[in-house]
C-alpha atoms as a PDB file:
ATOM      1  CA  MET A   1       6.237  28.172  29.555  1.00  0.00           C
ATOM      2  CA  ARG A   2       5.056  28.018  25.948  1.00  0.00           C
ATOM      3  CA  LEU A   3       7.710  30.531  24.945  1.00  0.00           C
ATOM      4  CA  THR A   4      10.441  28.396  26.547  1.00  0.00           C
ATOM      5  CA  VAL A   5       9.241  25.268  24.741  1.00  0.00           C
ATOM      6  CA  ALA A   6       9.044  27.136  21.425  1.00  0.00           C
ATOM      7  CA  ILE A   7      12.556  28.567  21.805  1.00  0.00           C
ATOM      8  CA  ALA A   8      13.985  25.167  22.749  1.00  0.00           C
ATOM      9  CA  ALA A   9      12.259  23.526  19.789  1.00  0.00           C
ATOM     10  CA  LEU A  10      13.608  26.151  17.386  1.00  0.00           C
ATOM     11  CA  ALA A  11      17.126  25.774  18.739  1.00  0.00           C
ATOM     12  CA  LEU A  12      17.074  21.998  18.330  1.00  0.00           C
ATOM     13  CA  THR A  13      15.507  22.214  14.883  1.00  0.00           C
ATOM     14  CA  GLY A  14      18.204  24.615  13.736  1.00  0.00           C
ATOM     15  CA  CYS A  15      20.942  22.121  14.605  1.00  0.00           C
ATOM     16  CA  ALA A  16      19.321  19.203  12.844  1.00  0.00           C
ATOM     17  CA  ALA A  17      17.807  21.177   9.981  1.00  0.00           C
ATOM     18  CA  SER A  18      21.017  22.181   8.275  1.00  0.00           C
ATOM     19  CA  PRO A  19      23.762  20.118   6.691  1.00  0.00           C
ATOM     20  CA  ALA A  20      26.030  21.811   9.239  1.00  0.00           C
ATOM     21  CA  GLY A  21      24.011  20.048  11.922  1.00  0.00           C
ATOM     22  CA  LEU A  22      25.264  16.826  10.347  1.00  0.00           C
ATOM     23  CA  GLY A  23      28.792  18.191  10.124  1.00  0.00           C
ATOM     24  CA  LYS A  24      30.103  16.259  13.067  1.00  0.00           C
ATOM     25  CA  ASP A  25      33.516  14.635  12.856  1.00  0.00           C
ATOM     26  CA  GLU A  26      32.251  11.245  14.013  1.00  0.00           C
ATOM     27  CA  ILE A  27      31.517   8.860  11.142  1.00  0.00           C
ATOM     28  CA  ASP A  28      28.711   6.370  11.749  1.00  0.00           C
ATOM     29  CA  MET A  29      29.558   4.055   8.837  1.00  0.00           C
ATOM     30  CA  THR A  30      32.207   3.816   6.122  1.00  0.00           C
ATOM     31  CA  LEU A  31      31.836   1.940   2.836  1.00  0.00           C
ATOM     32  CA  VAL A  32      34.089   1.669  -0.219  1.00  0.00           C
ATOM     33  CA  SER A  33      33.305   1.337  -3.912  1.00  0.00           C
ATOM     34  CA  PRO A  34      35.407   0.768  -7.023  1.00  0.00           C
ATOM     35  CA  LYS A  35      33.178   3.286  -8.865  1.00  0.00           C
ATOM     36  CA  LYS A  36      33.967   6.986  -9.383  1.00  0.00           C
ATOM     37  CA  PRO A  37      32.432   9.359  -6.805  1.00  0.00           C
ATOM     38  CA  ASP A  38      30.163  11.140  -9.309  1.00  0.00           C
ATOM     39  CA  VAL A  39      28.617   7.825 -10.392  1.00  0.00           C
ATOM     40  CA  VAL A  40      28.060   6.660  -6.813  1.00  0.00           C
ATOM     41  CA  ALA A  41      26.700  10.064  -5.721  1.00  0.00           C
ATOM     42  CA  GLY A  42      24.245  10.162  -8.616  1.00  0.00           C
ATOM     43  CA  CYS A  43      22.942   6.698  -7.809  1.00  0.00           C
ATOM     44  CA  ILE A  44      22.603   7.493  -4.099  1.00  0.00           C
ATOM     45  CA  ALA A  45      20.842  10.797  -4.776  1.00  0.00           C
ATOM     46  CA  LEU A  46      18.275   9.061  -6.985  1.00  0.00           C
ATOM     47  CA  SER A  47      17.825   6.185  -4.527  1.00  0.00           C
ATOM     48  CA  LEU A  48      17.399   8.328  -1.422  1.00  0.00           C
ATOM     49  CA  GLN A  49      15.845  11.531  -2.717  1.00  0.00           C
ATOM     50  CA  GLY A  50      14.334  10.993  -6.128  1.00  0.00           C
ATOM     51  CA  ASP A  51      15.244  13.808  -8.490  1.00  0.00           C
ATOM     52  CA  ASN A  52      17.206  16.020  -6.053  1.00  0.00           C
ATOM     53  CA  PRO A  53      20.850  16.217  -7.164  1.00  0.00           C
ATOM     54  CA  ALA A  54      23.880  15.434  -5.066  1.00  0.00           C
ATOM     55  CA  ILE A  55      25.780  18.504  -3.891  1.00  0.00           C
ATOM     56  CA  ARG A  56      29.269  18.711  -5.332  1.00  0.00           C
ATOM     57  CA  ALA A  57      31.678  19.992  -2.702  1.00  0.00           C
ATOM     58  CA  ASP A  58      34.630  19.755  -5.105  1.00  0.00           C
ATOM     59  CA  GLU A  59      35.667  17.537  -8.016  1.00  0.00           C
ATOM     60  CA  ASN A  60      36.305  14.513  -5.764  1.00  0.00           C
ATOM     61  CA  HIS A  61      33.772  15.121  -2.980  1.00  0.00           C
ATOM     62  CA  TYR A  62      29.993  14.875  -3.200  1.00  0.00           C
ATOM     63  CA  VAL A  63      27.397  15.176  -0.445  1.00  0.00           C
ATOM     64  CA  VAL A  64      23.937  13.595  -0.459  1.00  0.00           C
ATOM     65  CA  VAL A  65      21.546  14.663   2.290  1.00  0.00           C
ATOM     66  CA  ARG A  66      18.414  12.706   3.186  1.00  0.00           C
ATOM     67  CA  LYS A  67      15.571  14.716   4.670  1.00  0.00           C
ATOM     68  CA  ASN A  68      12.779  13.663   6.994  1.00  0.00           C
ATOM     69  CA  GLY A  69       9.074  14.222   6.302  1.00  0.00           C
ATOM     70  CA  PHE A  70       9.345  17.837   7.442  1.00  0.00           C
ATOM     71  CA  GLY A  71      12.202  18.614   5.051  1.00  0.00           C
ATOM     72  CA  ALA A  72      14.901  18.727   7.727  1.00  0.00           C
ATOM     73  CA  PRO A  73      18.196  16.976   6.860  1.00  0.00           C
ATOM     74  CA  VAL A  74      18.811  13.959   9.096  1.00  0.00           C
ATOM     75  CA  ILE A  75      21.267  11.814   7.118  1.00  0.00           C
ATOM     76  CA  ARG A  76      24.390  12.887   5.254  1.00  0.00           C
ATOM     77  CA  TRP A  77      26.490  10.701   2.950  1.00  0.00           C
ATOM     78  CA  ASP A  78      29.891  12.046   1.891  1.00  0.00           C
ATOM     79  CA  ILE A  79      31.250  10.403  -1.249  1.00  0.00           C
ATOM     80  CA  ILE A  80      34.981  11.045  -1.550  1.00  0.00           C
ATOM     81  CA  GLY A  81      37.138  10.022  -4.485  1.00  0.00           C
ATOM     82  CA  THR A  82      40.127   7.762  -3.817  1.00  0.00           C
ATOM     83  CA  ASP A  83      42.842   6.251  -6.010  1.00  0.00           C
ATOM     84  CA  THR A  84      40.812   3.042  -6.294  1.00  0.00           C
ATOM     85  CA  GLY A  85      37.260   4.454  -6.497  1.00  0.00           C
ATOM     86  CA  SER A  86      35.251   6.046  -3.690  1.00  0.00           C
ATOM     87  CA  ARG A  87      34.964   6.122   0.085  1.00  0.00           C
ATOM     88  CA  LEU A  88      31.496   6.736   1.502  1.00  0.00           C
ATOM     89  CA  GLU A  89      31.018   8.193   4.975  1.00  0.00           C
ATOM     90  CA  LEU A  90      27.683   8.298   6.787  1.00  0.00           C
ATOM     91  CA  ARG A  91      26.889  10.971   9.333  1.00  0.00           C
ATOM     92  CA  SER A  92      23.490  10.683  10.953  1.00  0.00           C
ATOM     93  CA  SER A  93      21.466  12.509  13.560  1.00  0.00           C
ATOM     94  CA  LEU A  94      19.167   9.471  13.846  1.00  0.00           C
ATOM     95  CA  PRO A  95      19.984   5.872  14.778  1.00  0.00           C
ATOM     96  CA  VAL A  96      17.720   4.460  12.031  1.00  0.00           C
ATOM     97  CA  GLY A  97      16.734   5.198   8.441  1.00  0.00           C
ATOM     98  CA  SER A  98      20.168   5.866   6.965  1.00  0.00           C
ATOM     99  CA  GLY A  99      19.236   4.229   3.676  1.00  0.00           C
ATOM    100  CA  SER A 100      22.384   2.098   3.868  1.00  0.00           C
ATOM    101  CA  ASP A 101      20.618  -0.738   2.022  1.00  0.00           C
ATOM    102  CA  LYS A 102      19.950   1.573  -0.925  1.00  0.00           C
ATOM    103  CA  VAL A 103      23.473   2.981  -0.742  1.00  0.00           C
ATOM    104  CA  LYS A 104      25.005  -0.513  -0.774  1.00  0.00           C
ATOM    105  CA  ALA A 105      23.029  -1.270  -3.941  1.00  0.00           C
ATOM    106  CA  CYS A 106      24.856   1.656  -5.615  1.00  0.00           C
ATOM    107  CA  LEU A 107      28.320   0.289  -4.848  1.00  0.00           C
END
């Protein structure tokens, strides 16, 4: 019984503990900003994580991941450059704690 619980816990943790676990297609929230994506991503990274940098996927796409108290990623913000600034997409494995108030302050 303990082995079954341990295996199930590891399987679930693996899904939520990697940015790929937050790689779902469904977007929980979309915001827009007139600022460039690198500026917005830097502000969000400092607001949500402290000194951990945003991950640069390419020159117009940044990813900021928010971790829980155990270090497992639970929130992912994609900051994508557009012709008029940036589009921000939230993907979350939790219904609360997205940090959207802090993100909105960076817009």
